[in-house]
């Protein structure tokens, strides 16, 4: 555990200190009422039921009853106010923390995100943050209440009768011993449960996203068996938690009952000897019950505290990765780029020593269309990722308009680059939302984008046109329709550099013709980079780069490369 995780979490409550202080005041008043009620009963028993003191005004059985009722009414009202107020604070803190975690994940570079599974990130943004919610809503004020109540009970018991108090306290060391043994096992159990929760969330996310593949290859039974292994591990860990809980509370109850039995046994002897009043013994039995009630409560809250400690460590482990976050504020403000691109002796590896690009150098002039051809794993897509600064090169430099991309403001850089991938990602919402991406645009700009991308034809056939709902990942649209929508999105945002990464790999011939026309419209006046297996897509490119094992081995236009008679010409001959 990082020692400061919990303290850092509690600091998030500082903006709400006035409300928390008011809640604590309410708790103090409620506790004072709880502490005073047994004293009222002690007076009633010793002064009026057994004794013969005269009744005067409130100092009477009726008066004491009225005071007792008022204490209950006032403490109930204060409790309702305090519970609502502290829940408001807790939910506000958790809402802000969840926003912080989501914002942090959005700023994590791909090089870091590649190391996390989606299940781990989802668990930290949801389950772990929700566990922290219970810390603020159930624990902080309750902890203050229980500690204050314990202190008050100890003081009153010692003031009433020291001998009875010491007898009542004899069981405390045994409770402390049991609690200490169980708490160590609980923390290890909570860590295991959190880890399994992340793995289960990741398993669900992965299998739902790949359900088509699961059903095509009839993998349902295999996946059920894989899930059952995880499910059984979670089941076993949950049973361990329940067993630990089942031991702790009954153990405290046993010692609670034992303490009361010792008090009654010892107290009755003193009552017979007339060295102790019956009302005092009655008050002591009530205080012993009240004494162990907060101990029971603290034992139950210990689960919440342990869960919160583990969750706090996991959340701050993620939030502490600040050095690697993408910085959208620093760098040269470039506005609109012209689009010339140059690689100078670039070396890059995703894993240290495993070079994907080796001493790559080339230059693409603004407005040119450049294509990259090579076998799978040769480094084509890596070049695209580096231009958008998703990863940092280990050697060499990449220049756009003569400026090192590491010096360009990241928001400006990516605003000038639009990428259309083979697997187009569409958000849930409407077609309009997926084109504008919530950027203010006029109706004319949207319509122009649709026309230039050749997407207007199929959209006009939809019942709701631009307001047609888009399901998760656009599953109700064909691959070609999703590609056309991606082109419309690109045109609408008017980039300086247009990147086409295997976008024509999974479409039919008719749709490919539409996309070819769309590519011509999008690339006009823009620097265009194309990664494609279909050589028909790149035949008219200004320059074609042939990449093999991370190096550029050929370059030139279609005619030049065909005359060269190398790798490119052999591909065309196939």
Protein backbone atom coordinates (compact mmCIF):
# COMPACT_ATOMS: atom_id res chain seq x y z
CA UNK A 1 0.00 0.00 0.00
CA UNK A 2 1.21 3.50 -0.73
CA UNK A 3 1.06 5.18 2.67
CA UNK A 4 -0.29 8.45 1.35
CA UNK A 5 -3.03 7.14 -0.95
CA UNK A 6 -5.75 7.36 1.69
CA UNK A 7 -4.57 10.77 2.91
CA UNK A 8 -4.54 12.12 -0.65
CA UNK A 9 -8.05 10.81 -1.07
CA UNK A 10 -9.24 12.47 2.15
CA UNK A 11 -7.78 15.79 0.99
CA UNK A 12 -10.47 15.82 -1.69
CA UNK A 13 -12.95 16.48 1.13
CA UNK A 14 -11.27 19.79 2.09
CA UNK A 15 -13.48 21.98 -0.19
CA UNK A 16 -16.49 20.64 1.72
CA UNK A 17 -15.06 21.20 5.21
CA UNK A 18 -17.92 23.46 6.33
CA UNK A 19 -20.57 20.84 5.55
CA UNK A 20 -18.45 18.10 7.11
CA UNK A 21 -17.93 20.22 10.23
CA UNK A 22 -21.69 20.79 10.47
CA UNK A 23 -22.27 17.04 10.13
CA UNK A 24 -19.78 16.40 12.92
CA UNK A 25 -21.63 18.88 15.14
CA UNK A 26 -24.85 16.99 14.45
CA UNK A 27 -23.12 13.74 15.35
CA UNK A 28 -21.87 15.24 18.61
CA UNK A 29 -25.38 16.32 19.58
CA UNK A 30 -26.84 12.93 18.66
CA UNK A 31 -24.14 11.15 20.66
CA UNK A 32 -24.77 13.37 23.67
CA UNK A 33 -28.43 12.40 23.51
CA UNK A 34 -27.47 8.71 23.30
CA UNK A 35 -25.16 9.06 26.26
CA UNK A 36 -27.76 10.91 28.35
CA UNK A 37 -30.63 8.45 27.85
CA UNK A 38 -29.28 5.72 30.20
CA UNK A 39 -28.64 8.37 32.85
CA UNK A 40 -32.31 9.39 32.67
CA UNK A 41 -33.35 5.76 33.24
CA UNK A 42 -30.87 5.46 36.11
CA UNK A 43 -32.46 8.48 37.84
CA UNK A 44 -35.97 7.16 37.24
CA UNK A 45 -35.12 3.75 38.75
CA UNK A 46 -33.09 4.91 41.76
CA UNK A 47 -35.01 8.11 42.62
CA UNK A 48 -38.63 7.27 41.80
CA UNK A 49 -39.19 3.52 41.27
CA UNK A 50 -37.01 2.26 44.13
CA UNK A 51 -36.37 5.50 46.00
CA UNK A 52 -38.98 7.86 47.34
CA UNK A 53 -37.77 11.28 46.23
CA UNK A 54 -40.58 13.80 45.67
CA UNK A 55 -41.50 14.61 42.07
CA UNK A 56 -41.22 18.29 41.10
CA UNK A 57 -41.95 19.52 37.53
CA UNK A 58 -39.59 17.94 35.03
CA UNK A 59 -37.88 16.12 37.89
CA UNK A 60 -40.51 13.40 37.79
CA UNK A 61 -41.33 10.21 35.92
CA UNK A 62 -43.53 12.19 33.49
CA UNK A 63 -40.94 14.93 33.08
CA UNK A 64 -38.16 12.42 32.50
CA UNK A 65 -40.35 10.67 29.90
CA UNK A 66 -40.89 13.95 28.06
CA UNK A 67 -37.16 14.69 28.08
CA UNK A 68 -36.45 11.14 26.84
CA UNK A 69 -38.94 11.58 23.98
CA UNK A 70 -37.50 14.99 23.03
CA UNK A 71 -33.99 13.53 22.92
CA UNK A 72 -35.16 10.82 20.52
CA UNK A 73 -37.04 13.29 18.31
CA UNK A 74 -34.17 15.81 18.09
CA UNK A 75 -31.48 13.16 17.52
CA UNK A 76 -33.60 11.55 14.77
CA UNK A 77 -34.02 14.87 12.96
CA UNK A 78 -30.32 15.68 13.22
CA UNK A 79 -29.43 12.19 11.96
CA UNK A 80 -31.63 12.61 8.86
CA UNK A 81 -30.00 15.97 8.08
CA UNK A 82 -26.49 14.63 8.68
CA UNK A 83 -26.98 11.53 6.50
CA UNK A 84 -28.31 13.57 3.56
CA UNK A 85 -25.58 16.21 3.88
CA UNK A 86 -22.68 13.74 4.06
CA UNK A 87 -24.07 11.72 1.15
CA UNK A 88 -24.18 14.92 -0.92
CA UNK A 89 -20.51 15.54 -0.06
CA UNK A 90 -19.53 11.94 -0.80
CA UNK A 91 -21.24 11.83 -4.18
CA UNK A 92 -19.74 15.21 -5.14
CA UNK A 93 -16.23 13.98 -4.31
CA UNK A 94 -16.70 10.72 -6.18
CA UNK A 95 -18.19 12.49 -9.22
CA UNK A 96 -15.13 14.74 -9.36
CA UNK A 97 -12.77 11.79 -8.89
CA UNK A 98 -14.47 9.75 -11.63
CA UNK A 99 -14.15 12.77 -13.96
CA UNK A 100 -10.46 13.05 -13.06
CA UNK A 101 -9.83 9.36 -13.79
CA UNK A 102 -11.63 9.53 -17.15
CA UNK A 103 -9.76 12.70 -18.14
CA UNK A 104 -6.48 11.06 -17.13
CA UNK A 105 -7.18 7.98 -19.24
CA UNK A 106 -7.97 10.20 -22.24
CA UNK A 107 -4.56 11.86 -21.92
CA UNK A 108 -2.60 8.62 -21.60
CA UNK A 109 -0.49 7.97 -24.72
CA UNK A 110 -0.98 4.77 -26.69
CA UNK A 111 2.42 3.52 -25.54
CA UNK A 112 1.04 3.42 -21.97
CA UNK A 113 -2.49 2.32 -22.87
CA UNK A 114 -1.01 -0.66 -24.73
CA UNK A 115 0.14 -1.99 -21.33
CA UNK A 116 -3.33 -1.84 -19.76
CA UNK A 117 -6.27 -4.08 -20.55
CA UNK A 118 -9.61 -2.36 -21.02
CA UNK A 119 -10.96 -4.37 -18.07
CA UNK A 120 -8.35 -2.93 -15.69
CA UNK A 121 -9.11 0.63 -16.76
CA UNK A 122 -12.88 0.12 -16.60
CA UNK A 123 -12.59 -1.40 -13.11
CA UNK A 124 -10.55 1.53 -11.80
CA UNK A 125 -12.92 4.10 -13.27
CA UNK A 126 -16.06 2.34 -11.99
CA UNK A 127 -15.72 -0.33 -9.28
CA UNK A 128 -12.72 1.22 -7.51
CA UNK A 129 -14.17 4.73 -7.56
CA UNK A 130 -17.51 3.41 -6.29
CA UNK A 131 -15.71 1.67 -3.41
CA UNK A 132 -14.27 5.06 -2.47
CA UNK A 133 -17.81 6.48 -2.47
CA UNK A 134 -18.64 4.26 0.52
CA UNK A 135 -15.62 5.65 2.37
CA UNK A 136 -17.02 9.18 2.25
CA UNK A 137 -20.70 8.36 2.71
CA UNK A 138 -20.48 5.56 5.28
CA UNK A 139 -17.15 5.71 7.06
CA UNK A 140 -15.80 9.20 7.75
CA UNK A 141 -18.68 10.54 9.85
CA UNK A 142 -19.49 7.12 11.32
CA UNK A 143 -15.87 6.75 12.40
CA UNK A 144 -16.01 10.12 14.13
CA UNK A 145 -19.34 9.20 15.72
CA UNK A 146 -18.13 5.83 16.98
CA UNK A 147 -14.86 7.14 18.41
CA UNK A 148 -16.64 10.01 20.19
CA UNK A 149 -19.32 7.65 21.49
CA UNK A 150 -16.70 5.23 22.81
CA UNK A 151 -14.82 8.06 24.54
CA UNK A 152 -18.04 9.40 26.08
CA UNK A 153 -19.12 5.96 27.32
CA UNK A 154 -15.69 5.31 28.88
CA UNK A 155 -15.75 8.65 30.72
CA UNK A 156 -19.31 8.17 32.04
CA UNK A 157 -18.69 4.54 33.08
CA UNK A 158 -15.53 5.52 34.97
CA UNK A 159 -17.34 8.40 36.67
CA UNK A 160 -20.26 6.17 37.73
CA UNK A 161 -18.21 3.23 39.10
CA UNK A 162 -14.56 2.46 38.38
CA UNK A 163 -14.74 -1.19 39.41
CA UNK A 164 -17.71 -1.96 37.12
CA UNK A 165 -16.00 -0.08 34.29
CA UNK A 166 -12.80 -2.12 34.61
CA UNK A 167 -14.78 -5.38 34.58
CA UNK A 168 -16.58 -4.27 31.42
CA UNK A 169 -13.24 -3.42 29.75
CA UNK A 170 -11.58 -6.80 30.46
CA UNK A 171 -12.75 -8.27 27.12
CA UNK A 172 -11.28 -5.47 24.96
CA UNK A 173 -7.77 -7.07 24.52
CA UNK A 174 -9.37 -10.27 23.18
CA UNK A 175 -11.41 -8.26 20.64
CA UNK A 176 -8.29 -6.36 19.55
CA UNK A 177 -6.41 -9.62 19.03
CA UNK A 178 -9.13 -11.21 16.88
CA UNK A 179 -9.56 -8.02 14.83
CA UNK A 180 -5.82 -7.76 14.17
CA UNK A 181 -5.61 -11.38 12.94
CA UNK A 182 -8.60 -11.07 10.63
CA UNK A 183 -7.73 -7.64 9.16
CA UNK A 184 -4.50 -8.96 7.59
CA UNK A 185 -6.40 -11.72 5.84
CA UNK A 186 -9.09 -9.24 4.75
CA UNK A 187 -6.65 -6.93 2.97
CA UNK A 188 -5.11 -9.78 0.96
CA UNK A 189 -8.61 -10.96 0.11
CA UNK A 190 -9.69 -7.51 -1.10
CA UNK A 191 -6.63 -7.23 -3.36
CA UNK A 192 -7.50 -10.59 -4.92
CA UNK A 193 -11.15 -9.60 -5.44
CA UNK A 194 -10.20 -6.28 -7.09
CA UNK A 195 -7.81 -8.04 -9.46
CA UNK A 196 -10.40 -10.66 -10.40
CA UNK A 197 -13.04 -7.96 -10.95
CA UNK A 198 -10.74 -6.27 -13.47
CA UNK A 199 -10.08 -9.55 -15.28
CA UNK A 200 -13.80 -10.36 -15.46
CA UNK A 201 -14.64 -6.87 -16.78
CA UNK A 202 -11.92 -7.22 -19.40
CA UNK A 203 -13.16 -10.69 -20.37
CA UNK A 204 -16.70 -9.36 -20.88
CA UNK A 205 -15.51 -6.33 -22.89
CA UNK A 206 -13.29 -8.46 -25.12
CA UNK A 207 -15.88 -11.16 -25.79
CA UNK A 208 -18.78 -8.79 -26.42
CA UNK A 209 -16.63 -6.86 -28.91
CA UNK A 210 -15.58 -10.13 -30.59
CA UNK A 211 -18.92 -11.96 -30.34
CA UNK A 212 -19.19 -12.31 -34.12
CA UNK A 213 -15.90 -14.22 -34.19
CA UNK A 214 -16.97 -16.36 -31.24
CA UNK A 215 -20.19 -17.37 -32.98
CA UNK A 216 -18.59 -17.93 -36.41
CA UNK A 217 -16.05 -20.40 -34.98
CA UNK A 218 -18.49 -21.95 -32.47
CA UNK A 219 -16.25 -20.95 -29.56
CA UNK A 220 -19.13 -20.46 -27.11
CA UNK A 221 -18.29 -23.53 -25.05
CA UNK A 222 -14.58 -22.69 -24.88
CA UNK A 223 -15.32 -19.13 -23.78
CA UNK A 224 -17.84 -20.38 -21.20
CA UNK A 225 -15.14 -22.65 -19.78
CA UNK A 226 -12.63 -19.77 -19.68
CA UNK A 227 -15.16 -17.56 -17.94
CA UNK A 228 -16.08 -20.31 -15.49
CA UNK A 229 -12.46 -20.51 -14.32
CA UNK A 230 -12.48 -16.77 -13.56
CA UNK A 231 -15.95 -16.97 -12.07
CA UNK A 232 -14.95 -19.82 -9.75
CA UNK A 233 -11.90 -17.89 -8.54
CA UNK A 234 -14.11 -14.86 -7.81
CA UNK A 235 -16.62 -17.15 -6.07
CA UNK A 236 -13.90 -18.62 -3.85
CA UNK A 237 -12.51 -15.17 -2.98
CA UNK A 238 -16.01 -13.88 -2.16
CA UNK A 239 -16.67 -16.88 0.09
CA UNK A 240 -13.41 -16.17 1.92
CA UNK A 241 -14.56 -12.59 2.51
CA UNK A 242 -17.93 -13.78 3.82
CA UNK A 243 -16.26 -16.30 6.14
CA UNK A 244 -13.99 -13.62 7.58
CA UNK A 245 -16.98 -11.33 8.10
CA UNK A 246 -18.96 -14.16 9.70
CA UNK A 247 -16.18 -14.71 12.24
CA UNK A 248 -15.59 -11.09 13.23
CA UNK A 249 -19.05 -9.86 14.20
CA UNK A 250 -20.21 -12.98 16.15
CA UNK A 251 -16.87 -12.94 18.04
CA UNK A 252 -17.53 -9.39 19.18
CA UNK A 253 -21.10 -10.30 20.10
CA UNK A 254 -19.84 -13.17 22.27
CA UNK A 255 -17.50 -10.90 24.19
CA UNK A 256 -20.28 -8.30 24.47
CA UNK A 257 -22.54 -10.86 26.11
CA UNK A 258 -19.70 -12.09 28.31
CA UNK A 259 -19.04 -8.54 29.55
CA UNK A 260 -22.72 -8.03 30.41
CA UNK A 261 -22.81 -11.39 32.24
CA UNK A 262 -19.74 -10.42 34.29
CA UNK A 263 -21.29 -7.06 35.13
CA UNK A 264 -24.58 -8.62 36.27
CA UNK A 265 -22.76 -11.29 38.30
CA UNK A 266 -20.49 -8.78 40.03
CA UNK A 267 -23.10 -6.02 40.27
CA UNK A 268 -25.80 -8.19 41.88
CA UNK A 269 -23.38 -9.10 44.66
CA UNK A 270 -22.78 -5.42 45.37
CA UNK A 271 -26.50 -4.61 45.19
CA UNK A 272 -27.14 -7.27 47.82
CA UNK A 273 -24.38 -5.69 49.94
CA UNK A 274 -26.03 -2.29 49.32
CA UNK A 275 -22.79 -0.88 47.84
CA UNK A 276 -24.34 -0.37 44.38
CA UNK A 277 -27.67 1.07 43.21
CA UNK A 278 -29.82 -0.98 40.81
CA UNK A 279 -30.20 2.04 38.49
CA UNK A 280 -26.40 2.28 38.14
CA UNK A 281 -26.17 -1.41 37.18
CA UNK A 282 -28.98 -0.92 34.66
CA UNK A 283 -27.15 2.09 33.19
CA UNK A 284 -23.93 0.05 32.98
CA UNK A 285 -25.60 -2.78 31.06
CA UNK A 286 -26.95 -0.19 28.61
CA UNK A 287 -23.56 1.48 28.27
CA UNK A 288 -21.86 -1.86 27.67
CA UNK A 289 -24.33 -2.55 24.84
CA UNK A 290 -23.68 0.95 23.49
CA UNK A 291 -19.94 0.41 23.97
CA UNK A 292 -19.85 -2.69 21.79
CA UNK A 293 -22.28 -1.29 19.20
CA UNK A 294 -19.67 1.14 17.76
CA UNK A 295 -17.04 -1.62 18.01
CA UNK A 296 -19.33 -3.86 15.93
CA UNK A 297 -19.89 -0.96 13.58
CA UNK A 298 -16.16 -0.32 13.28
CA UNK A 299 -15.62 -4.03 12.56
CA UNK A 300 -18.14 -3.87 9.73
CA UNK A 301 -16.74 -0.57 8.47
CA UNK A 302 -13.31 -2.14 8.47
CA UNK A 303 -14.32 -4.04 5.33
CA UNK A 304 -15.22 -0.75 3.67
CA UNK A 305 -11.99 0.86 4.84
CA UNK A 306 -9.88 -2.04 3.54
CA UNK A 307 -11.72 -1.97 0.21
CA UNK A 308 -11.22 1.80 0.02
CA UNK A 309 -7.50 1.53 0.84
CA UNK A 310 -6.95 -1.04 -1.92
CA UNK A 311 -9.07 0.98 -4.37
CA UNK A 312 -7.28 4.21 -3.45
CA UNK A 313 -3.92 2.55 -4.16
CA UNK A 314 -5.16 1.30 -7.54
CA UNK A 315 -6.70 4.64 -8.54
CA UNK A 316 -3.63 6.68 -7.52
CA UNK A 317 -1.31 4.16 -9.17
CA UNK A 318 -3.06 5.19 -12.37
CA UNK A 319 -3.26 8.93 -11.60
CA UNK A 320 0.40 9.07 -10.54
CA UNK A 321 1.53 8.31 -14.09
CA UNK A 322 1.70 12.02 -14.90
CA UNK A 323 5.13 12.14 -16.53
CA UNK A 324 3.89 10.14 -19.52
CA UNK A 325 0.63 12.08 -20.04
CA UNK A 326 0.17 13.88 -23.31
CA UNK A 327 0.60 17.65 -22.98
CA UNK A 328 -1.95 19.55 -25.06
CA UNK A 329 -0.98 23.03 -23.88
CA UNK A 330 2.76 23.44 -24.53
CA UNK A 331 4.48 23.63 -27.90
CA UNK A 332 4.46 25.92 -30.91
CA UNK A 333 0.99 27.14 -31.91
CA UNK A 334 0.98 26.51 -35.66
CA UNK A 335 -2.66 27.08 -36.66
CA UNK A 336 -3.11 25.43 -40.05
CA UNK A 337 -0.15 23.41 -41.37
CA UNK A 338 0.79 23.34 -45.04
CA UNK A 339 1.52 19.61 -44.89
CA UNK A 340 5.10 18.89 -45.99
CA UNK A 341 6.45 15.83 -44.11
CA UNK A 342 10.03 14.69 -43.63
CA UNK A 343 11.51 11.69 -41.80
CA UNK A 344 15.21 12.05 -40.95
CA UNK A 345 17.01 8.84 -39.98
CA UNK A 346 14.11 7.61 -37.84
CA UNK A 347 14.52 4.52 -35.65
CA UNK A 348 11.58 3.21 -33.66
CA UNK A 349 10.76 0.16 -31.51
CA UNK A 350 7.61 -0.63 -29.52
CA UNK A 351 9.74 -2.85 -27.28
CA UNK A 352 13.33 -1.95 -26.49
CA UNK A 353 15.76 -3.40 -29.01
CA UNK A 354 13.06 -4.77 -31.35
CA UNK A 355 13.39 -2.22 -34.15
CA UNK A 356 10.29 -1.78 -36.32
CA UNK A 357 11.72 1.16 -38.31
CA UNK A 358 15.43 1.29 -39.09
CA UNK A 359 17.04 4.52 -40.28
CA UNK A 360 13.98 5.59 -42.31
CA UNK A 361 14.32 8.84 -44.29
CA UNK A 362 11.96 10.36 -46.87
CA UNK A 363 10.28 13.62 -47.78
CA UNK A 364 6.72 14.30 -48.96
CA UNK A 365 5.94 17.75 -50.34
CA UNK A 366 2.76 19.59 -49.39
CA UNK A 367 -0.22 18.53 -51.50
CA UNK A 368 1.44 15.33 -52.66
CA UNK A 369 -0.15 11.89 -52.43
CA UNK A 370 2.26 9.31 -51.02
CA UNK A 371 1.66 5.58 -50.66
CA UNK A 372 3.34 2.99 -48.47
CA UNK A 373 3.49 -0.63 -49.64
CA UNK A 374 4.93 -3.62 -47.83
CA UNK A 375 4.22 -6.91 -46.14
CA UNK A 376 2.37 -7.13 -42.84
CA UNK A 377 4.66 -6.01 -40.04
CA UNK A 378 7.02 -4.09 -42.30
CA UNK A 379 6.31 -0.78 -40.50
CA UNK A 380 3.72 0.96 -42.70
CA UNK A 381 1.14 1.66 -39.97
CA UNK A 382 3.92 2.56 -37.53
CA UNK A 383 4.91 5.46 -39.80
CA UNK A 384 1.31 6.71 -39.69
CA UNK A 385 1.23 6.44 -35.88
CA UNK A 386 4.48 8.37 -35.55
CA UNK A 387 3.26 11.25 -37.72
CA UNK A 388 0.29 11.72 -35.35
CA UNK A 389 2.74 11.50 -32.40
CA UNK A 390 1.00 8.55 -30.81
CA UNK A 391 4.51 7.24 -30.03
CA UNK A 392 7.92 8.90 -29.59
CA UNK A 393 10.81 7.91 -31.86
CA UNK A 394 14.00 6.65 -30.22
CA UNK A 395 16.36 8.10 -32.85
CA UNK A 396 16.08 10.68 -35.61
CA UNK A 397 13.35 13.27 -36.06
CA UNK A 398 10.09 13.87 -37.89
CA UNK A 399 9.43 17.30 -39.38
CA UNK A 400 6.20 18.85 -40.61
CA UNK A 401 6.63 22.16 -42.44
CA UNK A 402 10.25 22.05 -41.23
CA UNK A 403 9.25 21.92 -37.55
CA UNK A 404 10.03 18.92 -35.32
CA UNK A 405 6.65 17.43 -34.42
CA UNK A 406 7.76 17.19 -30.77
CA UNK A 407 7.88 21.01 -30.73
CA UNK A 408 4.41 21.48 -32.25
CA UNK A 409 1.43 21.95 -29.96
CA UNK A 410 -0.16 18.49 -29.85
CA UNK A 411 -3.72 19.77 -30.17
CA UNK A 412 -2.75 21.79 -33.29
CA UNK A 413 -0.82 18.85 -34.74
CA UNK A 414 -3.71 16.40 -34.52
CA UNK A 415 -6.25 19.00 -35.61
CA UNK A 416 -4.35 19.10 -38.90
CA UNK A 417 -4.32 15.31 -39.37
CA UNK A 418 -7.31 13.06 -40.09
CA UNK A 419 -7.01 9.28 -40.24
CA UNK A 420 -9.38 6.79 -41.87
CA UNK A 421 -8.66 3.28 -40.64
CA UNK A 422 -9.62 -0.10 -42.04
CA UNK A 423 -11.91 -0.66 -39.04
CA UNK A 424 -13.85 2.60 -38.79
CA UNK A 425 -14.95 3.54 -35.27
CA UNK A 426 -18.39 5.11 -34.94
CA UNK A 427 -19.78 6.36 -31.64
CA UNK A 428 -23.28 5.68 -30.37
CA UNK A 429 -25.50 8.64 -31.25
CA UNK A 430 -26.55 9.88 -34.69
CA UNK A 431 -24.85 10.16 -38.07
CA UNK A 432 -24.63 13.92 -37.59
CA UNK A 433 -22.84 13.46 -34.24
CA UNK A 434 -20.31 11.12 -35.84
CA UNK A 435 -19.53 13.58 -38.60
CA UNK A 436 -19.30 16.78 -36.55
CA UNK A 437 -17.89 15.15 -33.37
CA UNK A 438 -19.66 17.97 -31.48
CA UNK A 439 -17.70 20.61 -33.39
CA UNK A 440 -19.93 23.56 -34.38
CA UNK A 441 -20.70 23.23 -38.11
CA UNK A 442 -23.29 24.70 -40.42
CA UNK A 443 -25.76 22.53 -42.32
CA UNK A 444 -24.05 23.54 -45.56
CA UNK A 445 -20.65 22.31 -44.32
CA UNK A 446 -22.11 18.95 -43.31
CA UNK A 447 -23.95 18.52 -46.63
CA UNK A 448 -20.83 19.44 -48.61
CA UNK A 449 -18.84 16.83 -46.68
CA UNK A 450 -21.46 14.20 -47.46
CA UNK A 451 -21.48 15.05 -51.17
CA UNK A 452 -17.68 15.05 -51.53
CA UNK A 453 -17.40 11.77 -49.63
CA UNK A 454 -20.17 10.18 -51.78
CA UNK A 455 -22.03 9.29 -48.56
CA UNK A 456 -25.08 11.44 -49.33
CA UNK A 457 -26.71 8.78 -51.56
CA UNK A 458 -27.14 6.09 -48.92
CA UNK A 459 -27.92 8.63 -46.16
CA UNK A 460 -30.83 10.01 -48.16
CA UNK A 461 -32.34 6.52 -48.19
CA UNK A 462 -32.33 6.31 -44.38
CA UNK A 463 -35.61 7.11 -42.55
CA UNK A 464 -34.06 9.79 -40.33
CA UNK A 465 -31.35 11.00 -42.72
CA UNK A 466 -28.57 12.66 -40.69
CA UNK A 467 -30.42 11.96 -37.44
CA UNK A 468 -30.43 8.20 -38.05
CA UNK A 469 -29.32 6.48 -34.83
CA UNK A 470 -25.90 4.85 -34.80
CA UNK A 471 -25.55 1.77 -32.59
CA UNK A 472 -22.35 0.88 -30.77
CA UNK A 473 -19.41 0.89 -33.23
CA UNK A 474 -21.89 1.43 -36.11
CA UNK A 475 -22.76 -2.27 -36.34
CA UNK A 476 -25.99 -1.57 -38.30
CA UNK A 477 -24.02 -0.11 -41.23
CA UNK A 478 -21.96 -2.02 -43.80
CA UNK A 479 -18.16 -1.72 -43.87
CA UNK A 480 -18.38 0.45 -47.00
CA UNK A 481 -20.98 2.78 -45.45
CA UNK A 482 -18.83 3.21 -42.37
CA UNK A 483 -15.87 4.08 -44.59
CA UNK A 484 -17.89 6.71 -46.46
CA UNK A 485 -19.00 8.22 -43.16
CA UNK A 486 -15.35 8.32 -42.07
CA UNK A 487 -14.49 10.21 -45.27
CA UNK A 488 -17.34 12.64 -44.61
CA UNK A 489 -16.00 13.19 -41.10
CA UNK A 490 -12.54 13.87 -42.50
CA UNK A 491 -13.75 16.38 -45.10
CA UNK A 492 -15.96 18.16 -42.54
CA UNK A 493 -12.93 18.79 -40.30
CA UNK A 494 -10.78 20.01 -43.22
CA UNK A 495 -7.33 18.61 -42.28
CA UNK A 496 -4.02 19.54 -43.89
CA UNK A 497 -2.86 15.92 -43.87
CA UNK A 498 -5.13 13.04 -44.81
CA UNK A 499 -4.16 9.48 -43.85
CA UNK A 500 -5.80 6.41 -45.36
CA UNK A 501 -4.75 3.21 -43.55
CA UNK A 502 -5.96 0.05 -45.34
CA UNK A 503 -9.38 1.68 -45.76
CA UNK A 504 -10.28 -0.27 -48.91
CA UNK A 505 -9.30 -3.72 -47.65
CA UNK A 506 -12.75 -5.06 -46.72
CA UNK A 507 -15.16 -3.57 -49.27
CA UNK A 508 -16.79 -4.67 -52.49
CA UNK A 509 -15.83 -3.40 -55.96
CA UNK A 510 -18.85 -1.07 -56.29
CA UNK A 511 -18.15 0.59 -52.95
CA UNK A 512 -14.45 0.79 -53.80
CA UNK A 513 -15.27 2.96 -56.81
CA UNK A 514 -17.22 5.34 -54.55
CA UNK A 515 -14.32 5.39 -52.12
CA UNK A 516 -11.84 6.03 -54.94
CA UNK A 517 -13.91 9.04 -55.95
CA UNK A 518 -14.10 10.10 -52.30
CA UNK A 519 -10.32 9.79 -51.95
CA UNK A 520 -9.83 12.07 -54.96
CA UNK A 521 -12.15 14.66 -53.40
CA UNK A 522 -10.55 14.46 -49.96
CA UNK A 523 -6.96 14.53 -51.21
CA UNK A 524 -7.41 17.60 -53.39
CA UNK A 525 -5.21 20.37 -51.96
CA UNK A 526 -4.04 18.14 -49.07
CA UNK A 527 -1.02 16.01 -48.33
CA UNK A 528 -2.33 12.45 -48.53
CA UNK A 529 -0.73 9.31 -47.10
CA UNK A 530 -2.11 5.95 -48.19
CA UNK A 531 -1.36 2.52 -46.77
CA UNK A 532 -2.99 -0.12 -48.96
CA UNK A 533 -2.74 -3.70 -50.13
CA UNK A 534 -4.90 -3.00 -53.19
CA UNK A 535 -2.43 -1.50 -55.64
CA UNK A 536 -5.27 0.04 -57.67
CA UNK A 537 -5.75 2.47 -54.79
CA UNK A 538 -2.20 3.83 -55.04
CA UNK A 539 -1.50 3.62 -58.79
CA UNK A 540 -1.90 7.39 -59.23
CA UNK A 541 0.11 8.39 -56.14
CA UNK A 542 2.86 10.99 -56.67
CA UNK A 543 5.37 8.85 -54.79
CA UNK A 544 5.25 5.24 -53.60
CA UNK A 545 7.52 3.92 -50.83
CA UNK A 546 8.27 0.20 -50.64
CA UNK A 547 9.05 -0.90 -47.07
CA UNK A 548 10.67 -4.21 -46.16
CA UNK A 549 11.66 -5.16 -42.60
CA UNK A 550 11.55 -1.57 -41.41
CA UNK A 551 13.58 -0.03 -44.23
CA UNK A 552 12.62 1.83 -47.41
CA UNK A 553 13.98 -0.28 -50.25
CA UNK A 554 12.29 1.39 -53.27
CA UNK A 555 10.62 4.72 -53.98
CA UNK A 556 9.15 6.50 -56.99
CA UNK A 557 5.87 6.76 -58.87
CA UNK A 558 4.08 3.80 -60.45
CA UNK A 559 5.83 4.05 -63.80
CA UNK A 560 9.29 4.46 -62.28
CA UNK A 561 8.88 1.49 -59.98
CA UNK A 562 7.51 -0.71 -62.76
CA UNK A 563 10.57 0.10 -64.89
CA UNK A 564 12.82 -0.66 -61.93
CA UNK A 565 11.60 -4.25 -62.00
CA UNK A 566 11.89 -4.74 -58.26
CA UNK A 567 9.54 -5.71 -55.44
CA UNK A 568 6.74 -3.36 -56.58
CA UNK A 569 6.72 -4.63 -60.15
CA UNK A 570 6.56 -8.22 -58.89
CA UNK A 571 3.51 -7.33 -56.76
CA UNK A 572 1.76 -5.91 -59.80
CA UNK A 573 2.55 -9.01 -61.78
CA UNK A 574 0.74 -11.24 -59.25
